Amino acid sequence: MTNRREELEQIKPHKPNKSKWPKHIRTVELNETDNLGIDAKGQLYWDGELIHIRKHELGKIERIQAWIIAGGTIIFALTALGQLAQFHNIDCLLPWLEYRCSVMTSSG
């Protein structure tokens, strides 16, 4: 069994920044501190059990839905851009589309 000084030399203490804590979080009472532990990697333990941090990832169906929505948004944006270009006769302003401008003005 190591003494407290050896433990503190191996694993340096961390100072809390309580200004970043959410409002519903409280400090651990003095009689609860024996439940907390930390290892050399900085992993936190409560009553000897590792505290797991969950990370949420999209499932297969959610990813498919996201791609469909993103694709629809891109198609909608390109369609709106095309309508805007037609409304403002951008064909006549762009040198590589001048042929369309002459066709539109002669037929129109």
PDB file of N, CA and C in Angstrom:
ATOM      1  N   MET A   1       0.845  -1.177   0.000  1.00  0.00           N
ATOM      2  CA  MET A   1       0.000   0.000   0.000  1.00  0.00           C
ATOM      3  C   MET A   1       0.889   1.238   0.000  1.00  0.00           C
ATOM      4  N   THR A   2       0.595   2.167  -0.907  1.00  0.00           N
ATOM      5  CA  THR A   2       1.387   3.394  -0.977  1.00  0.00           C
ATOM      6  C   THR A   2       0.768   4.457  -0.084  1.00  0.00           C
ATOM      7  N   ASN A   3       1.594   5.391   0.329  1.00  0.00           N
ATOM      8  CA  ASN A   3       1.038   6.462   1.155  1.00  0.00           C
ATOM      9  C   ASN A   3       0.542   7.599   0.257  1.00  0.00           C
ATOM     10  N   ARG A   4      -0.085   8.564   0.864  1.00  0.00           N
ATOM     11  CA  ARG A   4      -0.736   9.649   0.120  1.00  0.00           C
ATOM     12  C   ARG A   4       0.265  10.480  -0.678  1.00  0.00           C
ATOM     13  N   ARG A   5       1.443  10.718  -0.144  1.00  0.00           N
ATOM     14  CA  ARG A   5       2.440  11.519  -0.860  1.00  0.00           C
ATOM     15  C   ARG A   5       2.874  10.829  -2.148  1.00  0.00           C
ATOM     16  N   GLU A   6       3.082   9.538  -2.084  1.00  0.00           N
ATOM     17  CA  GLU A   6       3.467   8.795  -3.286  1.00  0.00           C
ATOM     18  C   GLU A   6       2.349   8.826  -4.323  1.00  0.00           C
ATOM     19  N   GLU A   7       1.101   8.710  -3.874  1.00  0.00           N
ATOM     20  CA  GLU A   7      -0.038   8.776  -4.797  1.00  0.00           C
ATOM     21  C   GLU A   7      -0.090  10.130  -5.490  1.00  0.00           C
ATOM     22  N   LEU A   8       0.107  11.221  -4.719  1.00  0.00           N
ATOM     23  CA  LEU A   8       0.054  12.558  -5.294  1.00  0.00           C
ATOM     24  C   LEU A   8       1.223  12.835  -6.227  1.00  0.00           C
ATOM     25  N   GLU A   9       2.353  12.209  -5.990  1.00  0.00           N
ATOM     26  CA  GLU A   9       3.483  12.365  -6.895  1.00  0.00           C
ATOM     27  C   GLU A   9       3.234  11.642  -8.215  1.00  0.00           C
ATOM     28  N   GLN A  10       2.591  10.489  -8.152  1.00  0.00           N
ATOM     29  CA  GLN A  10       2.306   9.719  -9.365  1.00  0.00           C
ATOM     30  C   GLN A  10       1.170  10.336 -10.169  1.00  0.00           C
ATOM     31  N   ILE A  11       0.133  10.756  -9.482  1.00  0.00           N
ATOM     32  CA  ILE A  11      -1.046  11.323 -10.141  1.00  0.00           C
ATOM     33  C   ILE A  11      -1.278  12.703  -9.556  1.00  0.00           C
ATOM     34  N   LYS A  12      -0.999  13.718 -10.356  1.00  0.00           N
ATOM     35  CA  LYS A  12      -1.105  15.094  -9.878  1.00  0.00           C
ATOM     36  C   LYS A  12      -2.569  15.485  -9.672  1.00  0.00           C
ATOM     37  N   PRO A  13      -2.846  16.286  -8.626  1.00  0.00           N
ATOM     38  CA  PRO A  13      -4.219  16.742  -8.376  1.00  0.00           C
ATOM     39  C   PRO A  13      -4.703  17.694  -9.471  1.00  0.00           C
ATOM     40  N   HIS A  14      -6.007  17.656  -9.747  1.00  0.00           N
ATOM     41  CA  HIS A  14      -6.638  18.543 -10.725  1.00  0.00           C
ATOM     42  C   HIS A  14      -7.416  19.611  -9.975  1.00  0.00           C
ATOM     43  N   LYS A  15      -7.281  20.864 -10.412  1.00  0.00           N
ATOM     44  CA  LYS A  15      -8.044  21.946  -9.796  1.00  0.00           C
ATOM     45  C   LYS A  15      -9.312  22.172 -10.613  1.00  0.00           C
ATOM     46  N   PRO A  16     -10.482  22.216  -9.966  1.00  0.00           N
ATOM     47  CA  PRO A  16     -11.737  22.383 -10.708  1.00  0.00           C
ATOM     48  C   PRO A  16     -11.936  23.823 -11.174  1.00  0.00           C
ATOM     49  N   ASN A  17     -12.621  23.962 -12.301  1.00  0.00           N
ATOM     50  CA  ASN A  17     -13.039  25.268 -12.800  1.00  0.00           C
ATOM     51  C   ASN A  17     -14.561  25.312 -12.680  1.00  0.00           C
ATOM     52  N   LYS A  18     -15.048  25.691 -11.518  1.00  0.00           N
ATOM     53  CA  LYS A  18     -16.472  25.625 -11.228  1.00  0.00           C
ATOM     54  C   LYS A  18     -17.291  26.618 -12.037  1.00  0.00           C
ATOM     55  N   SER A  19     -16.667  27.597 -12.666  1.00  0.00           N
ATOM     56  CA  SER A  19     -17.421  28.548 -13.487  1.00  0.00           C
ATOM     57  C   SER A  19     -18.015  27.867 -14.720  1.00  0.00           C
ATOM     58  N   LYS A  20     -17.458  26.737 -15.128  1.00  0.00           N
ATOM     59  CA  LYS A  20     -17.962  26.001 -16.296  1.00  0.00           C
ATOM     60  C   LYS A  20     -18.998  24.943 -15.927  1.00  0.00           C
ATOM     61  N   TRP A  21     -19.236  24.741 -14.654  1.00  0.00           N
ATOM     62  CA  TRP A  21     -20.162  23.699 -14.217  1.00  0.00           C
ATOM     63  C   TRP A  21     -21.604  24.117 -14.485  1.00  0.00           C
ATOM     64  N   PRO A  22     -22.472  23.172 -14.912  1.00  0.00           N
ATOM     65  CA  PRO A  22     -23.911  23.474 -15.016  1.00  0.00           C
ATOM     66  C   PRO A  22     -24.494  23.783 -13.641  1.00  0.00           C
ATOM     67  N   LYS A  23     -25.613  24.480 -13.622  1.00  0.00           N
ATOM     68  CA  LYS A  23     -26.220  24.932 -12.363  1.00  0.00           C
ATOM     69  C   LYS A  23     -26.649  23.778 -11.457  1.00  0.00           C
ATOM     70  N   HIS A  24     -27.041  22.629 -12.028  1.00  0.00           N
ATOM     71  CA  HIS A  24     -27.564  21.526 -11.217  1.00  0.00           C
ATOM     72  C   HIS A  24     -26.469  20.619 -10.629  1.00  0.00           C
ATOM     73  N   ILE A  25     -25.210  20.960 -10.854  1.00  0.00           N
ATOM     74  CA  ILE A  25     -24.100  20.151 -10.349  1.00  0.00           C
ATOM     75  C   ILE A  25     -23.631  20.731  -9.014  1.00  0.00           C
ATOM     76  N   ARG A  26     -23.377  19.857  -8.072  1.00  0.00           N
ATOM     77  CA  ARG A  26     -22.872  20.294  -6.776  1.00  0.00           C
ATOM     78  C   ARG A  26     -21.548  19.608  -6.502  1.00  0.00           C
ATOM     79  N   THR A  27     -20.806  20.153  -5.570  1.00  0.00           N
ATOM     80  CA  THR A  27     -19.554  19.516  -5.182  1.00  0.00           C
ATOM     81  C   THR A  27     -19.865  18.284  -4.333  1.00  0.00           C
ATOM     82  N   VAL A  28     -18.912  17.410  -4.254  1.00  0.00           N
ATOM     83  CA  VAL A  28     -19.057  16.201  -3.453  1.00  0.00           C
ATOM     84  C   VAL A  28     -18.805  16.574  -1.991  1.00  0.00           C
ATOM     85  N   GLU A  29     -19.655  16.097  -1.119  1.00  0.00           N
ATOM     86  CA  GLU A  29     -19.489  16.360   0.310  1.00  0.00           C
ATOM     87  C   GLU A  29     -18.236  15.659   0.829  1.00  0.00           C
ATOM     88  N   LEU A  30     -17.710  16.153   1.917  1.00  0.00           N
ATOM     89  CA  LEU A  30     -16.503  15.550   2.477  1.00  0.00           C
ATOM     90  C   LEU A  30     -16.683  14.073   2.818  1.00  0.00           C
ATOM     91  N   ASN A  31     -17.885  13.717   3.293  1.00  0.00           N
ATOM     92  CA  ASN A  31     -18.100  12.309   3.634  1.00  0.00           C
ATOM     93  C   ASN A  31     -18.302  11.431   2.390  1.00  0.00           C
ATOM     94  N   GLU A  32     -18.402  12.048   1.177  1.00  0.00           N
ATOM     95  CA  GLU A  32     -18.547  11.295  -0.075  1.00  0.00           C
ATOM     96  C   GLU A  32     -17.241  11.175  -0.851  1.00  0.00           C
ATOM     97  N   THR A  33     -16.232  11.890  -0.451  1.00  0.00           N
ATOM     98  CA  THR A  33     -15.012  11.936  -1.259  1.00  0.00           C
ATOM     99  C   THR A  33     -14.300  10.597  -1.381  1.00  0.00           C
ATOM    100  N   ASP A  34     -14.487   9.730  -0.437  1.00  0.00           N
ATOM    101  CA  ASP A  34     -13.845   8.416  -0.531  1.00  0.00           C
ATOM    102  C   ASP A  34     -14.423   7.582  -1.675  1.00  0.00           C
ATOM    103  N   ASN A  35     -15.560   7.964  -2.222  1.00  0.00           N
ATOM    104  CA  ASN A  35     -16.141   7.250  -3.354  1.00  0.00           C
ATOM    105  C   ASN A  35     -15.431   7.584  -4.666  1.00  0.00           C
ATOM    106  N   LEU A  36     -14.798   8.745  -4.739  1.00  0.00           N
ATOM    107  CA  LEU A  36     -14.155   9.181  -5.972  1.00  0.00           C
ATOM    108  C   LEU A  36     -12.728   8.689  -6.070  1.00  0.00           C
ATOM    109  N   GLY A  37     -12.327   8.373  -7.285  1.00  0.00           N
ATOM    110  CA  GLY A  37     -10.949   7.973  -7.542  1.00  0.00           C
ATOM    111  C   GLY A  37     -10.554   8.371  -8.950  1.00  0.00           C
ATOM    112  N   ILE A  38      -9.266   8.492  -9.191  1.00  0.00           N
ATOM    113  CA  ILE A  38      -8.763   8.859 -10.511  1.00  0.00           C
ATOM    114  C   ILE A  38      -7.508   8.046 -10.770  1.00  0.00           C
ATOM    115  N   ASP A  39      -7.318   7.622 -12.025  1.00  0.00           N
ATOM    116  CA  ASP A  39      -6.113   6.845 -12.334  1.00  0.00           C
ATOM    117  C   ASP A  39      -5.103   7.711 -13.075  1.00  0.00           C
ATOM    118  N   ALA A  40      -3.999   7.125 -13.471  1.00  0.00           N
ATOM    119  CA  ALA A  40      -2.912   7.866 -14.113  1.00  0.00           C
ATOM    120  C   ALA A  40      -3.325   8.453 -15.459  1.00  0.00           C
ATOM    121  N   LYS A  41      -4.327   7.873 -16.103  1.00  0.00           N
ATOM    122  CA  LYS A  41      -4.801   8.378 -17.395  1.00  0.00           C
ATOM    123  C   LYS A  41      -5.816   9.505 -17.238  1.00  0.00           C
ATOM    124  N   GLY A  42      -6.207   9.809 -16.003  1.00  0.00           N
ATOM    125  CA  GLY A  42      -7.196  10.853 -15.760  1.00  0.00           C
ATOM    126  C   GLY A  42      -8.620  10.344 -15.813  1.00  0.00           C
ATOM    127  N   GLN A  43      -8.802   9.030 -15.849  1.00  0.00           N
ATOM    128  CA  GLN A  43     -10.147   8.461 -15.856  1.00  0.00           C
ATOM    129  C   GLN A  43     -10.719   8.516 -14.449  1.00  0.00           C
ATOM    130  N   LEU A  44     -11.992   8.841 -14.375  1.00  0.00           N
ATOM    131  CA  LEU A  44     -12.654   9.044 -13.099  1.00  0.00           C
ATOM    132  C   LEU A  44     -13.415   7.786 -12.680  1.00  0.00           C
ATOM    133  N   TYR A  45     -13.331   7.481 -11.407  1.00  0.00           N
ATOM    134  CA  TYR A  45     -14.012   6.308 -10.851  1.00  0.00           C
ATOM    135  C   TYR A  45     -14.907   6.750  -9.700  1.00  0.00           C
ATOM    136  N   TRP A  46     -16.069   6.135  -9.585  1.00  0.00           N
ATOM    137  CA  TRP A  46     -16.971   6.360  -8.464  1.00  0.00           C
ATOM    138  C   TRP A  46     -17.194   5.020  -7.790  1.00  0.00           C
ATOM    139  N   ASP A  47     -16.832   4.939  -6.551  1.00  0.00           N
ATOM    140  CA  ASP A  47     -16.977   3.725  -5.760  1.00  0.00           C
ATOM    141  C   ASP A  47     -16.300   2.524  -6.444  1.00  0.00           C
ATOM    142  N   GLY A  48     -15.130   2.791  -7.056  1.00  0.00           N
ATOM    143  CA  GLY A  48     -14.345   1.738  -7.682  1.00  0.00           C
ATOM    144  C   GLY A  48     -14.755   1.390  -9.101  1.00  0.00           C
ATOM    145  N   GLU A  49     -15.838   1.970  -9.617  1.00  0.00           N
ATOM    146  CA  GLU A  49     -16.294   1.669 -10.970  1.00  0.00           C
ATOM    147  C   GLU A  49     -16.003   2.851 -11.887  1.00  0.00           C
ATOM    148  N   LEU A  50     -15.489   2.528 -13.075  1.00  0.00           N
ATOM    149  CA  LEU A  50     -15.173   3.547 -14.053  1.00  0.00           C
ATOM    150  C   LEU A  50     -16.439   4.299 -14.460  1.00  0.00           C
ATOM    151  N   ILE A  51     -16.362   5.589 -14.494  1.00  0.00           N
ATOM    152  CA  ILE A  51     -17.497   6.400 -14.949  1.00  0.00           C
ATOM    153  C   ILE A  51     -17.413   6.471 -16.463  1.00  0.00           C
ATOM    154  N   HIS A  52     -18.412   5.919 -17.140  1.00  0.00           N
ATOM    155  CA  HIS A  52     -18.438   5.865 -18.600  1.00  0.00           C
ATOM    156  C   HIS A  52     -19.121   7.107 -19.157  1.00  0.00           C
ATOM    157  N   ILE A  53     -18.514   7.653 -20.194  1.00  0.00           N
ATOM    158  CA  ILE A  53     -19.113   8.790 -20.888  1.00  0.00           C
ATOM    159  C   ILE A  53     -19.689   8.262 -22.189  1.00  0.00           C
ATOM    160  N   ARG A  54     -20.971   8.463 -22.377  1.00  0.00           N
ATOM    161  CA  ARG A  54     -21.643   7.946 -23.570  1.00  0.00           C
ATOM    162  C   ARG A  54     -21.535   8.949 -24.708  1.00  0.00           C
ATOM    163  N   LYS A  55     -21.336   8.419 -25.897  1.00  0.00           N
ATOM    164  CA  LYS A  55     -21.277   9.238 -27.084  1.00  0.00           C
ATOM    165  C   LYS A  55     -22.389   8.760 -28.026  1.00  0.00           C
ATOM    166  N   HIS A  56     -23.240   9.680 -28.436  1.00  0.00           N
ATOM    167  CA  HIS A  56     -24.360   9.295 -29.290  1.00  0.00           C
ATOM    168  C   HIS A  56     -23.946   9.401 -30.754  1.00  0.00           C
ATOM    169  N   GLU A  57     -24.236   8.365 -31.499  1.00  0.00           N
ATOM    170  CA  GLU A  57     -23.991   8.359 -32.930  1.00  0.00           C
ATOM    171  C   GLU A  57     -25.297   8.024 -33.646  1.00  0.00           C
ATOM    172  N   LEU A  58     -25.441   8.538 -34.845  1.00  0.00           N
ATOM    173  CA  LEU A  58     -26.645   8.271 -35.621  1.00  0.00           C
ATOM    174  C   LEU A  58     -26.680   6.807 -36.037  1.00  0.00           C
ATOM    175  N   GLY A  59     -27.869   6.231 -36.012  1.00  0.00           N
ATOM    176  CA  GLY A  59     -28.051   4.871 -36.488  1.00  0.00           C
ATOM    177  C   GLY A  59     -28.130   4.837 -38.001  1.00  0.00           C
ATOM    178  N   LYS A  60     -28.266   3.656 -38.561  1.00  0.00           N
ATOM    179  CA  LYS A  60     -28.283   3.499 -40.019  1.00  0.00           C
ATOM    180  C   LYS A  60     -29.456   4.247 -40.645  1.00  0.00           C
ATOM    181  N   ILE A  61     -30.644   4.093 -40.083  1.00  0.00           N
ATOM    182  CA  ILE A  61     -31.834   4.759 -40.639  1.00  0.00           C
ATOM    183  C   ILE A  61     -31.701   6.274 -40.507  1.00  0.00           C
ATOM    184  N   GLU A  62     -31.177   6.752 -39.366  1.00  0.00           N
ATOM    185  CA  GLU A  62     -31.014   8.190 -39.174  1.00  0.00           C
ATOM    186  C   GLU A  62     -30.013   8.774 -40.171  1.00  0.00           C
ATOM    187  N   ARG A  63     -28.937   8.021 -40.460  1.00  0.00           N
ATOM    188  CA  ARG A  63     -27.964   8.494 -41.451  1.00  0.00           C
ATOM    189  C   ARG A  63     -28.588   8.558 -42.840  1.00  0.00           C
ATOM    190  N   ILE A  64     -29.391   7.563 -43.194  1.00  0.00           N
ATOM    191  CA  ILE A  64     -30.059   7.563 -44.501  1.00  0.00           C
ATOM    192  C   ILE A  64     -30.999   8.756 -44.599  1.00  0.00           C
ATOM    193  N   GLN A  65     -31.764   9.005 -43.545  1.00  0.00           N
ATOM    194  CA  GLN A  65     -32.669  10.160 -43.547  1.00  0.00           C
ATOM    195  C   GLN A  65     -31.896  11.465 -43.691  1.00  0.00           C
ATOM    196  N   ALA A  66     -30.774  11.580 -43.018  1.00  0.00           N
ATOM    197  CA  ALA A  66     -29.965  12.798 -43.103  1.00  0.00           C
ATOM    198  C   ALA A  66     -29.443  13.006 -44.525  1.00  0.00           C
ATOM    199  N   TRP A  67     -28.992  11.923 -45.180  1.00  0.00           N
ATOM    200  CA  TRP A  67     -28.510  12.046 -46.558  1.00  0.00           C
ATOM    201  C   TRP A  67     -29.642  12.429 -47.510  1.00  0.00           C
ATOM    202  N   ILE A  68     -30.821  11.870 -47.301  1.00  0.00           N
ATOM    203  CA  ILE A  68     -31.961  12.209 -48.162  1.00  0.00           C
ATOM    204  C   ILE A  68     -32.323  13.689 -47.992  1.00  0.00           C
ATOM    205  N   ILE A  69     -32.367  14.142 -46.772  1.00  0.00           N
ATOM    206  CA  ILE A  69     -32.695  15.549 -46.518  1.00  0.00           C
ATOM    207  C   ILE A  69     -31.622  16.464 -47.103  1.00  0.00           C
ATOM    208  N   ALA A  70     -30.356  16.104 -46.932  1.00  0.00           N
ATOM    209  CA  ALA A  70     -29.270  16.922 -47.476  1.00  0.00           C
ATOM    210  C   ALA A  70     -29.341  16.962 -49.002  1.00  0.00           C
ATOM    211  N   GLY A  71     -29.591  15.818 -49.622  1.00  0.00           N
ATOM    212  CA  GLY A  71     -29.707  15.777 -51.078  1.00  0.00           C
ATOM    213  C   GLY A  71     -30.870  16.602 -51.581  1.00  0.00           C
ATOM    214  N   GLY A  72     -32.010  16.490 -50.915  1.00  0.00           N
ATOM    215  CA  GLY A  72     -33.177  17.288 -51.295  1.00  0.00           C
ATOM    216  C   GLY A  72     -32.912  18.771 -51.152  1.00  0.00           C
ATOM    217  N   THR A  73     -32.205  19.150 -50.114  1.00  0.00           N
ATOM    218  CA  THR A  73     -31.875  20.555 -49.900  1.00  0.00           C
ATOM    219  C   THR A  73     -30.974  21.069 -51.020  1.00  0.00           C
ATOM    220  N   ILE A  74     -30.002  20.268 -51.438  1.00  0.00           N
ATOM    221  CA  ILE A  74     -29.107  20.682 -52.528  1.00  0.00           C
ATOM    222  C   ILE A  74     -29.879  20.810 -53.834  1.00  0.00           C
ATOM    223  N   ILE A  75     -30.751  19.853 -54.119  1.00  0.00           N
ATOM    224  CA  ILE A  75     -31.561  19.922 -55.348  1.00  0.00           C
ATOM    225  C   ILE A  75     -32.462  21.150 -55.321  1.00  0.00           C
ATOM    226  N   PHE A  76     -33.085  21.417 -54.185  1.00  0.00           N
ATOM    227  CA  PHE A  76     -33.937  22.586 -54.060  1.00  0.00           C
ATOM    228  C   PHE A  76     -33.142  23.873 -54.281  1.00  0.00           C
ATOM    229  N   ALA A  77     -31.944  23.946 -53.704  1.00  0.00           N
ATOM    230  CA  ALA A  77     -31.113  25.146 -53.841  1.00  0.00           C
ATOM    231  C   ALA A  77     -30.698  25.354 -55.299  1.00  0.00           C
ATOM    232  N   LEU A  78     -30.319  24.270 -55.988  1.00  0.00           N
ATOM    233  CA  LEU A  78     -29.937  24.396 -57.394  1.00  0.00           C
ATOM    234  C   LEU A  78     -31.122  24.803 -58.263  1.00  0.00           C
ATOM    235  N   THR A  79     -32.291  24.283 -57.970  1.00  0.00           N
ATOM    236  CA  THR A  79     -33.501  24.667 -58.700  1.00  0.00           C
ATOM    237  C   THR A  79     -33.813  26.143 -58.486  1.00  0.00           C
ATOM    238  N   ALA A  80     -33.736  26.593 -57.257  1.00  0.00           N
ATOM    239  CA  ALA A  80     -33.993  28.004 -56.954  1.00  0.00           C
ATOM    240  C   ALA A  80     -32.963  28.892 -57.632  1.00  0.00           C
ATOM    241  N   LEU A  81     -31.708  28.461 -57.667  1.00  0.00           N
ATOM    242  CA  LEU A  81     -30.670  29.234 -58.339  1.00  0.00           C
ATOM    243  C   LEU A  81     -30.947  29.319 -59.836  1.00  0.00           C
ATOM    244  N   GLY A  82     -31.393  28.223 -60.427  1.00  0.00           N
ATOM    245  CA  GLY A  82     -31.753  28.221 -61.849  1.00  0.00           C
ATOM    246  C   GLY A  82     -32.922  29.154 -62.135  1.00  0.00           C
ATOM    247  N   GLN A  83     -33.926  29.155 -61.278  1.00  0.00           N
ATOM    248  CA  GLN A  83     -35.055  30.055 -61.457  1.00  0.00           C
ATOM    249  C   GLN A  83     -34.621  31.512 -61.323  1.00  0.00           C
ATOM    250  N   LEU A  84     -33.735  31.779 -60.387  1.00  0.00           N
ATOM    251  CA  LEU A  84     -33.231  33.132 -60.204  1.00  0.00           C
ATOM    252  C   LEU A  84     -32.451  33.587 -61.432  1.00  0.00           C
ATOM    253  N   ALA A  85     -31.629  32.678 -61.968  1.00  0.00           N
ATOM    254  CA  ALA A  85     -30.849  33.008 -63.158  1.00  0.00           C
ATOM    255  C   ALA A  85     -31.779  33.296 -64.340  1.00  0.00           C
ATOM    256  N   GLN A  86     -32.832  32.529 -64.493  1.00  0.00           N
ATOM    257  CA  GLN A  86     -33.770  32.738 -65.593  1.00  0.00           C
ATOM    258  C   GLN A  86     -34.530  34.048 -65.410  1.00  0.00           C
ATOM    259  N   PHE A  87     -34.907  34.357 -64.194  1.00  0.00           N
ATOM    260  CA  PHE A  87     -35.669  35.577 -63.912  1.00  0.00           C
ATOM    261  C   PHE A  87     -34.834  36.824 -64.215  1.00  0.00           C
ATOM    262  N   HIS A  88     -33.555  36.778 -63.941  1.00  0.00           N
ATOM    263  CA  HIS A  88     -32.714  37.954 -64.131  1.00  0.00           C
ATOM    264  C   HIS A  88     -31.975  37.940 -65.464  1.00  0.00           C
ATOM    265  N   ASN A  89     -32.303  37.033 -66.363  1.00  0.00           N
ATOM    266  CA  ASN A  89     -31.661  36.920 -67.673  1.00  0.00           C
ATOM    267  C   ASN A  89     -30.137  36.884 -67.564  1.00  0.00           C
ATOM    268  N   ILE A  90     -29.650  36.057 -66.688  1.00  0.00           N
ATOM    269  CA  ILE A  90     -28.209  35.938 -66.493  1.00  0.00           C
ATOM    270  C   ILE A  90     -27.562  35.352 -67.747  1.00  0.00           C
ATOM    271  N   ASP A  91     -28.341  34.651 -68.560  1.00  0.00           N
ATOM    272  CA  ASP A  91     -27.801  34.068 -69.791  1.00  0.00           C
ATOM    273  C   ASP A  91     -27.138  35.145 -70.647  1.00  0.00           C
ATOM    274  N   CYS A  92     -27.716  36.320 -70.664  1.00  0.00           N
ATOM    275  CA  CYS A  92     -27.180  37.392 -71.501  1.00  0.00           C
ATOM    276  C   CYS A  92     -25.898  37.988 -70.916  1.00  0.00           C
ATOM    277  N   LEU A  93     -25.649  37.808 -69.645  1.00  0.00           N
ATOM    278  CA  LEU A  93     -24.470  38.372 -69.001  1.00  0.00           C
ATOM    279  C   LEU A  93     -23.266  37.445 -69.057  1.00  0.00           C
ATOM    280  N   LEU A  94     -23.508  36.148 -69.249  1.00  0.00           N
ATOM    281  CA  LEU A  94     -22.421  35.177 -69.241  1.00  0.00           C
ATOM    282  C   LEU A  94     -22.004  34.862 -70.673  1.00  0.00           C
ATOM    283  N   PRO A  95     -20.717  35.049 -71.006  1.00  0.00           N
ATOM    284  CA  PRO A  95     -20.272  34.869 -72.394  1.00  0.00           C
ATOM    285  C   PRO A  95     -20.539  33.473 -72.940  1.00  0.00           C
ATOM    286  N   TRP A  96     -20.420  32.431 -72.117  1.00  0.00           N
ATOM    287  CA  TRP A  96     -20.595  31.078 -72.624  1.00  0.00           C
ATOM    288  C   TRP A  96     -22.072  30.706 -72.806  1.00  0.00           C
ATOM    289  N   LEU A  97     -22.990  31.595 -72.379  1.00  0.00           N
ATOM    290  CA  LEU A  97     -24.416  31.340 -72.572  1.00  0.00           C
ATOM    291  C   LEU A  97     -25.068  32.374 -73.487  1.00  0.00           C
ATOM    292  N   GLU A  98     -24.272  33.151 -74.221  1.00  0.00           N
ATOM    293  CA  GLU A  98     -24.831  34.192 -75.082  1.00  0.00           C
ATOM    294  C   GLU A  98     -25.733  33.614 -76.169  1.00  0.00           C
ATOM    295  N   TYR A  99     -25.443  32.398 -76.597  1.00  0.00           N
ATOM    296  CA  TYR A  99     -26.272  31.777 -77.640  1.00  0.00           C
ATOM    297  C   TYR A  99     -27.701  31.622 -77.170  1.00  0.00           C
ATOM    298  N   ARG A 100     -27.903  31.339 -75.877  1.00  0.00           N
ATOM    299  CA  ARG A 100     -29.253  31.202 -75.346  1.00  0.00           C
ATOM    300  C   ARG A 100     -29.948  32.546 -75.279  1.00  0.00           C
ATOM    301  N   CYS A 101     -29.191  33.593 -75.026  1.00  0.00           N
ATOM    302  CA  CYS A 101     -29.763  34.928 -74.945  1.00  0.00           C
ATOM    303  C   CYS A 101     -30.309  35.335 -76.313  1.00  0.00           C
ATOM    304  N   SER A 102     -29.550  35.064 -77.388  1.00  0.00           N
ATOM    305  CA  SER A 102     -30.000  35.441 -78.725  1.00  0.00           C
ATOM    306  C   SER A 102     -31.217  34.615 -79.130  1.00  0.00           C
ATOM    307  N   VAL A 103     -31.261  33.346 -78.699  1.00  0.00           N
ATOM    308  CA  VAL A 103     -32.418  32.500 -79.027  1.00  0.00           C
ATOM    309  C   VAL A 103     -33.654  33.020 -78.289  1.00  0.00           C
ATOM    310  N   MET A 104     -33.485  33.420 -77.040  1.00  0.00           N
ATOM    311  CA  MET A 104     -34.624  33.879 -76.245  1.00  0.00           C
ATOM    312  C   MET A 104     -35.139  35.219 -76.757  1.00  0.00           C
ATOM    313  N   THR A 105     -34.275  36.129 -77.164  1.00  0.00           N
ATOM    314  CA  THR A 105     -34.738  37.440 -77.609  1.00  0.00           C
ATOM    315  C   THR A 105     -35.331  37.374 -78.999  1.00  0.00           C
ATOM    316  N   SER A 106     -34.841  36.481 -79.868  1.00  0.00           N
ATOM    317  CA  SER A 106     -35.391  36.400 -81.221  1.00  0.00           C
ATOM    318  C   SER A 106     -36.738  35.671 -81.223  1.00  0.00           C
ATOM    319  N   SER A 107     -36.944  34.733 -80.312  1.00  0.00           N
ATOM    320  CA  SER A 107     -38.192  33.996 -80.313  1.00  0.00           C
ATOM    321  C   SER A 107     -39.257  34.705 -79.476  1.00  0.00           C
ATOM    322  N   GLY A 108     -38.825  35.613 -78.613  1.00  0.00           N
ATOM    323  CA  GLY A 108     -39.691  36.177 -77.630  1.00  0.00           C
ATOM    324  C   GLY A 108     -40.478  37.323 -78.003  1.00  0.00           C
TER     325      GLY A 108
END
